[in-house]
């Protein structure tokens, strides 16, 4: 009987670990997308700065 209870507890924890791992994977993907968006935005800002500076000199 005790072994059944222990197995149930182990299964609950394994399920929780699986759930948390899925959340981690989702967050890592979101983080990667955010980093990519940041790099793109930063490049756009640099382009705009360059355009502004070149038009300012005219």
PDB file of N, CA and C in Angstrom:
ATOM      1  N   UNK A   1       0.830  -1.195   0.000  1.00  0.00           N
ATOM      2  CA  UNK A   1       0.000   0.000   0.000  1.00  0.00           C
ATOM      3  C   UNK A   1       0.876   1.262   0.000  1.00  0.00           C
ATOM      4  N   UNK A   2       1.889   1.269   0.829  1.00  0.00           N
ATOM      5  CA  UNK A   2       2.784   2.416   0.904  1.00  0.00           C
ATOM      6  C   UNK A   2       3.493   2.648  -0.430  1.00  0.00           C
ATOM      7  N   UNK A   3       3.867   1.537  -1.071  1.00  0.00           N
ATOM      8  CA  UNK A   3       4.566   1.675  -2.348  1.00  0.00           C
ATOM      9  C   UNK A   3       3.655   2.302  -3.411  1.00  0.00           C
ATOM     10  N   UNK A   4       2.373   2.006  -3.352  1.00  0.00           N
ATOM     11  CA  UNK A   4       1.416   2.600  -4.291  1.00  0.00           C
ATOM     12  C   UNK A   4       1.319   4.119  -4.049  1.00  0.00           C
ATOM     13  N   UNK A   5       1.273   4.492  -2.777  1.00  0.00           N
ATOM     14  CA  UNK A   5       1.224   5.920  -2.442  1.00  0.00           C
ATOM     15  C   UNK A   5       2.496   6.631  -2.900  1.00  0.00           C
ATOM     16  N   UNK A   6       3.628   5.973  -2.690  1.00  0.00           N
ATOM     17  CA  UNK A   6       4.898   6.568  -3.122  1.00  0.00           C
ATOM     18  C   UNK A   6       4.961   6.688  -4.641  1.00  0.00           C
ATOM     19  N   UNK A   7       4.496   5.677  -5.333  1.00  0.00           N
ATOM     20  CA  UNK A   7       4.476   5.727  -6.800  1.00  0.00           C
ATOM     21  C   UNK A   7       3.569   6.856  -7.298  1.00  0.00           C
ATOM     22  N   UNK A   8       2.447   7.055  -6.621  1.00  0.00           N
ATOM     23  CA  UNK A   8       1.543   8.146  -6.991  1.00  0.00           C
ATOM     24  C   UNK A   8       2.220   9.497  -6.794  1.00  0.00           C
ATOM     25  N   UNK A   9       2.932   9.637  -5.684  1.00  0.00           N
ATOM     26  CA  UNK A   9       3.643  10.890  -5.420  1.00  0.00           C
ATOM     27  C   UNK A   9       4.738  11.121  -6.458  1.00  0.00           C
ATOM     28  N   UNK A  10       5.471  10.068  -6.772  1.00  0.00           N
ATOM     29  CA  UNK A  10       6.522  10.180  -7.785  1.00  0.00           C
ATOM     30  C   UNK A  10       5.905  10.601  -9.114  1.00  0.00           C
ATOM     31  N   UNK A  11       4.789  10.002  -9.484  1.00  0.00           N
ATOM     32  CA  UNK A  11       4.124  10.336 -10.744  1.00  0.00           C
ATOM     33  C   UNK A  11       3.668  11.794 -10.754  1.00  0.00           C
ATOM     34  N   UNK A  12       3.140  12.275  -9.633  1.00  0.00           N
ATOM     35  CA  UNK A  12       2.722  13.686  -9.539  1.00  0.00           C
ATOM     36  C   UNK A  12       3.915  14.608  -9.787  1.00  0.00           C
ATOM     37  N   UNK A  13       5.041  14.261  -9.163  1.00  0.00           N
ATOM     38  CA  UNK A  13       6.233  15.098  -9.324  1.00  0.00           C
ATOM     39  C   UNK A  13       6.776  15.020 -10.747  1.00  0.00           C
ATOM     40  N   UNK A  14       6.722  13.847 -11.332  1.00  0.00           N
ATOM     41  CA  UNK A  14       7.179  13.712 -12.723  1.00  0.00           C
ATOM     42  C   UNK A  14       6.290  14.531 -13.661  1.00  0.00           C
ATOM     43  N   UNK A  15       4.997  14.521 -13.396  1.00  0.00           N
ATOM     44  CA  UNK A  15       4.080  15.322 -14.207  1.00  0.00           C
ATOM     45  C   UNK A  15       4.375  16.808 -14.062  1.00  0.00           C
ATOM     46  N   UNK A  16       4.654  17.226 -12.831  1.00  0.00           N
ATOM     47  CA  UNK A  16       4.974  18.633 -12.582  1.00  0.00           C
ATOM     48  C   UNK A  16       6.267  19.018 -13.282  1.00  0.00           C
ATOM     49  N   UNK A  17       7.254  18.144 -13.245  1.00  0.00           N
ATOM     50  CA  UNK A  17       8.533  18.394 -13.924  1.00  0.00           C
ATOM     51  C   UNK A  17       8.303  18.529 -15.429  1.00  0.00           C
ATOM     52  N   UNK A  18       7.511  17.642 -15.991  1.00  0.00           N
ATOM     53  CA  UNK A  18       7.201  17.699 -17.420  1.00  0.00           C
ATOM     54  C   UNK A  18       6.513  19.015 -17.766  1.00  0.00           C
ATOM     55  N   UNK A  19       5.573  19.416 -16.932  1.00  0.00           N
ATOM     56  CA  UNK A  19       4.850  20.683 -17.134  1.00  0.00           C
ATOM     57  C   UNK A  19       5.814  21.878 -17.065  1.00  0.00           C
ATOM     58  N   UNK A  20       6.692  21.874 -16.079  1.00  0.00           N
ATOM     59  CA  UNK A  20       7.651  22.968 -15.928  1.00  0.00           C
ATOM     60  C   UNK A  20       8.652  22.997 -17.086  1.00  0.00           C
ATOM     61  N   UNK A  21       9.078  21.837 -17.548  1.00  0.00           N
ATOM     62  CA  UNK A  21       9.989  21.784 -18.695  1.00  0.00           C
ATOM     63  C   UNK A  21       9.338  22.364 -19.946  1.00  0.00           C
ATOM     64  N   UNK A  22       8.054  22.091 -20.130  1.00  0.00           N
ATOM     65  CA  UNK A  22       7.324  22.652 -21.277  1.00  0.00           C
ATOM     66  C   UNK A  22       7.249  24.175 -21.160  1.00  0.00           C
ATOM     67  N   UNK A  23       7.023  24.668 -19.950  1.00  0.00           N
ATOM     68  CA  UNK A  23       6.985  26.123 -19.732  1.00  0.00           C
ATOM     69  C   UNK A  23       8.353  26.743 -20.016  1.00  0.00           C
ATOM     70  N   UNK A  24       9.406  26.069 -19.593  1.00  0.00           N
ATOM     71  CA  UNK A  24      10.765  26.555 -19.836  1.00  0.00           C
ATOM     72  C   UNK A  24      11.030  26.641 -21.339  1.00  0.00           C
ATOM     73  N   UNK A  25      10.665  25.598 -22.069  1.00  0.00           N
ATOM     74  CA  UNK A  25      10.868  25.602 -23.518  1.00  0.00           C
ATOM     75  C   UNK A  25      10.116  26.758 -24.171  1.00  0.00           C
ATOM     76  N   UNK A  26       8.884  26.989 -23.722  1.00  0.00           N
ATOM     77  CA  UNK A  26       8.078  28.087 -24.273  1.00  0.00           C
ATOM     78  C   UNK A  26       8.746  29.431 -23.977  1.00  0.00           C
ATOM     79  N   UNK A  27       9.219  29.615 -22.753  1.00  0.00           N
ATOM     80  CA  UNK A  27       9.873  30.868 -22.371  1.00  0.00           C
ATOM     81  C   UNK A  27      11.186  31.067 -23.131  1.00  0.00           C
ATOM     82  N   UNK A  28      11.919  29.991 -23.358  1.00  0.00           N
ATOM     83  CA  UNK A  28      13.165  30.100 -24.112  1.00  0.00           C
ATOM     84  C   UNK A  28      12.885  30.523 -25.551  1.00  0.00           C
ATOM     85  N   UNK A  29      11.818  30.002 -26.127  1.00  0.00           N
ATOM     86  CA  UNK A  29      11.432  30.392 -27.484  1.00  0.00           C
ATOM     87  C   UNK A  29      11.023  31.864 -27.516  1.00  0.00           C
ATOM     88  N   UNK A  30      10.212  32.282 -26.550  1.00  0.00           N
ATOM     89  CA  UNK A  30       9.800  33.685 -26.465  1.00  0.00           C
ATOM     90  C   UNK A  30      11.017  34.585 -26.286  1.00  0.00           C
ATOM     91  N   UNK A  31      11.949  34.164 -25.447  1.00  0.00           N
ATOM     92  CA  UNK A  31      13.167  34.940 -25.210  1.00  0.00           C
ATOM     93  C   UNK A  31      13.970  35.085 -26.499  1.00  0.00           C
ATOM     94  N   UNK A  32      14.075  34.016 -27.244  1.00  0.00           N
ATOM     95  CA  UNK A  32      14.798  34.050 -28.509  1.00  0.00           C
ATOM     96  C   UNK A  32      14.137  35.017 -29.488  1.00  0.00           C
ATOM     97  N   UNK A  33      12.808  34.973 -29.553  1.00  0.00           N
ATOM     98  CA  UNK A  33      12.079  35.883 -30.431  1.00  0.00           C
ATOM     99  C   UNK A  33      12.275  37.336 -30.000  1.00  0.00           C
ATOM    100  N   UNK A  34      12.233  37.572 -28.698  1.00  0.00           N
ATOM    101  CA  UNK A  34      12.433  38.934 -28.187  1.00  0.00           C
ATOM    102  C   UNK A  34      13.835  39.444 -28.491  1.00  0.00           C
ATOM    103  N   UNK A  35      14.828  38.580 -28.353  1.00  0.00           N
ATOM    104  CA  UNK A  35      16.204  38.979 -28.671  1.00  0.00           C
ATOM    105  C   UNK A  35      16.322  39.335 -30.150  1.00  0.00           C
ATOM    106  N   UNK A  36      15.686  38.540 -30.992  1.00  0.00           N
ATOM    107  CA  UNK A  36      15.709  38.806 -32.432  1.00  0.00           C
ATOM    108  C   UNK A  36      15.034  40.140 -32.745  1.00  0.00           C
ATOM    109  N   UNK A  37      13.877  40.368 -32.132  1.00  0.00           N
ATOM    110  CA  UNK A  37      13.167  41.635 -32.334  1.00  0.00           C
ATOM    111  C   UNK A  37      14.002  42.811 -31.844  1.00  0.00           C
ATOM    112  N   UNK A  38      14.669  42.634 -30.723  1.00  0.00           N
ATOM    113  CA  UNK A  38      15.528  43.685 -30.174  1.00  0.00           C
ATOM    114  C   UNK A  38      16.643  44.033 -31.156  1.00  0.00           C
ATOM    115  N   UNK A  39      17.282  43.001 -31.714  1.00  0.00           N
ATOM    116  CA  UNK A  39      18.376  43.247 -32.655  1.00  0.00           C
ATOM    117  C   UNK A  39      17.872  43.977 -33.892  1.00  0.00           C
ATOM    118  N   UNK A  40      16.700  43.563 -34.402  1.00  0.00           N
ATOM    119  CA  UNK A  40      16.124  44.221 -35.567  1.00  0.00           C
ATOM    120  C   UNK A  40      15.792  45.680 -35.261  1.00  0.00           C
ATOM    121  N   UNK A  41      15.184  45.915 -34.115  1.00  0.00           N
ATOM    122  CA  UNK A  41      14.817  47.274 -33.726  1.00  0.00           C
ATOM    123  C   UNK A  41      16.054  48.141 -33.541  1.00  0.00           C
ATOM    124  N   UNK A  42      17.071  47.586 -32.917  1.00  0.00           N
ATOM    125  CA  UNK A  42      18.315  48.318 -32.706  1.00  0.00           C
ATOM    126  C   UNK A  42      18.941  48.702 -34.045  1.00  0.00           C
ATOM    127  N   UNK A  43      18.919  47.778 -35.008  1.00  0.00           N
ATOM    128  CA  UNK A  43      19.466  48.062 -36.336  1.00  0.00           C
ATOM    129  C   UNK A  43      18.651  49.158 -37.027  1.00  0.00           C
ATOM    130  N   UNK A  44      17.336  49.112 -36.883  1.00  0.00           N
ATOM    131  CA  UNK A  44      16.480  50.145 -37.474  1.00  0.00           C
ATOM    132  C   UNK A  44      16.777  51.511 -36.849  1.00  0.00           C
ATOM    133  N   UNK A  45      16.966  51.540 -35.543  1.00  0.00           N
ATOM    134  CA  UNK A  45      17.287  52.797 -34.851  1.00  0.00           C
ATOM    135  C   UNK A  45      18.614  53.356 -35.362  1.00  0.00           C
ATOM    136  N   UNK A  46      19.588  52.484 -35.532  1.00  0.00           N
ATOM    137  CA  UNK A  46      20.888  52.934 -36.037  1.00  0.00           C
ATOM    138  C   UNK A  46      20.742  53.494 -37.443  1.00  0.00           C
ATOM    139  N   UNK A  47      19.921  52.863 -38.276  1.00  0.00           N
ATOM    140  CA  UNK A  47      19.677  53.373 -39.629  1.00  0.00           C
ATOM    141  C   UNK A  47      19.028  54.751 -39.569  1.00  0.00           C
ATOM    142  N   UNK A  48      18.038  54.894 -38.707  1.00  0.00           N
ATOM    143  CA  UNK A  48      17.352  56.174 -38.581  1.00  0.00           C
ATOM    144  C   UNK A  48      18.293  57.262 -38.061  1.00  0.00           C
ATOM    145  N   UNK A  49      19.129  56.907 -37.109  1.00  0.00           N
ATOM    146  CA  UNK A  49      20.111  57.871 -36.609  1.00  0.00           C
ATOM    147  C   UNK A  49      21.031  58.320 -37.732  1.00  0.00           C
ATOM    148  N   UNK A  50      21.471  57.360 -38.521  1.00  0.00           N
ATOM    149  CA  UNK A  50      22.366  57.658 -39.628  1.00  0.00           C
ATOM    150  C   UNK A  50      21.684  58.577 -40.640  1.00  0.00           C
ATOM    151  N   UNK A  51      20.439  58.272 -40.973  1.00  0.00           N
ATOM    152  CA  UNK A  51      19.682  59.114 -41.895  1.00  0.00           C
ATOM    153  C   UNK A  51      19.494  60.509 -41.330  1.00  0.00           C
ATOM    154  N   UNK A  52      19.154  60.591 -40.065  1.00  0.00           N
ATOM    155  CA  UNK A  52      18.947  61.878 -39.410  1.00  0.00           C
ATOM    156  C   UNK A  52      20.234  62.694 -39.422  1.00  0.00           C
ATOM    157  N   UNK A  53      21.328  62.047 -39.071  1.00  0.00           N
ATOM    158  CA  UNK A  53      22.615  62.746 -39.035  1.00  0.00           C
ATOM    159  C   UNK A  53      23.057  63.204 -40.419  1.00  0.00           C
ATOM    160  N   UNK A  54      22.801  62.383 -41.439  1.00  0.00           N
ATOM    161  CA  UNK A  54      23.215  62.776 -42.788  1.00  0.00           C
ATOM    162  C   UNK A  54      22.320  63.892 -43.326  1.00  0.00           C
ATOM    163  N   UNK A  55      21.032  63.872 -42.976  1.00  0.00           N
ATOM    164  CA  UNK A  55      20.140  64.943 -43.437  1.00  0.00           C
ATOM    165  C   UNK A  55      20.381  66.225 -42.652  1.00  0.00           C
ATOM    166  N   UNK A  56      20.857  66.086 -41.441  1.00  0.00           N
ATOM    167  CA  UNK A  56      21.133  67.238 -40.587  1.00  0.00           C
ATOM    168  C   UNK A  56      22.344  68.018 -41.108  1.00  0.00           C
ATOM    169  N   UNK A  57      23.240  67.321 -41.771  1.00  0.00           N
ATOM    170  CA  UNK A  57      24.459  67.953 -42.272  1.00  0.00           C
ATOM    171  C   UNK A  57      24.231  68.683 -43.591  1.00  0.00           C
ATOM    172  N   UNK A  58      23.117  68.394 -44.233  1.00  0.00           N
ATOM    173  CA  UNK A  58      22.844  69.022 -45.544  1.00  0.00           C
ATOM    174  C   UNK A  58      22.394  70.445 -45.422  1.00  0.00           C
TER     175      UNK A  58
END
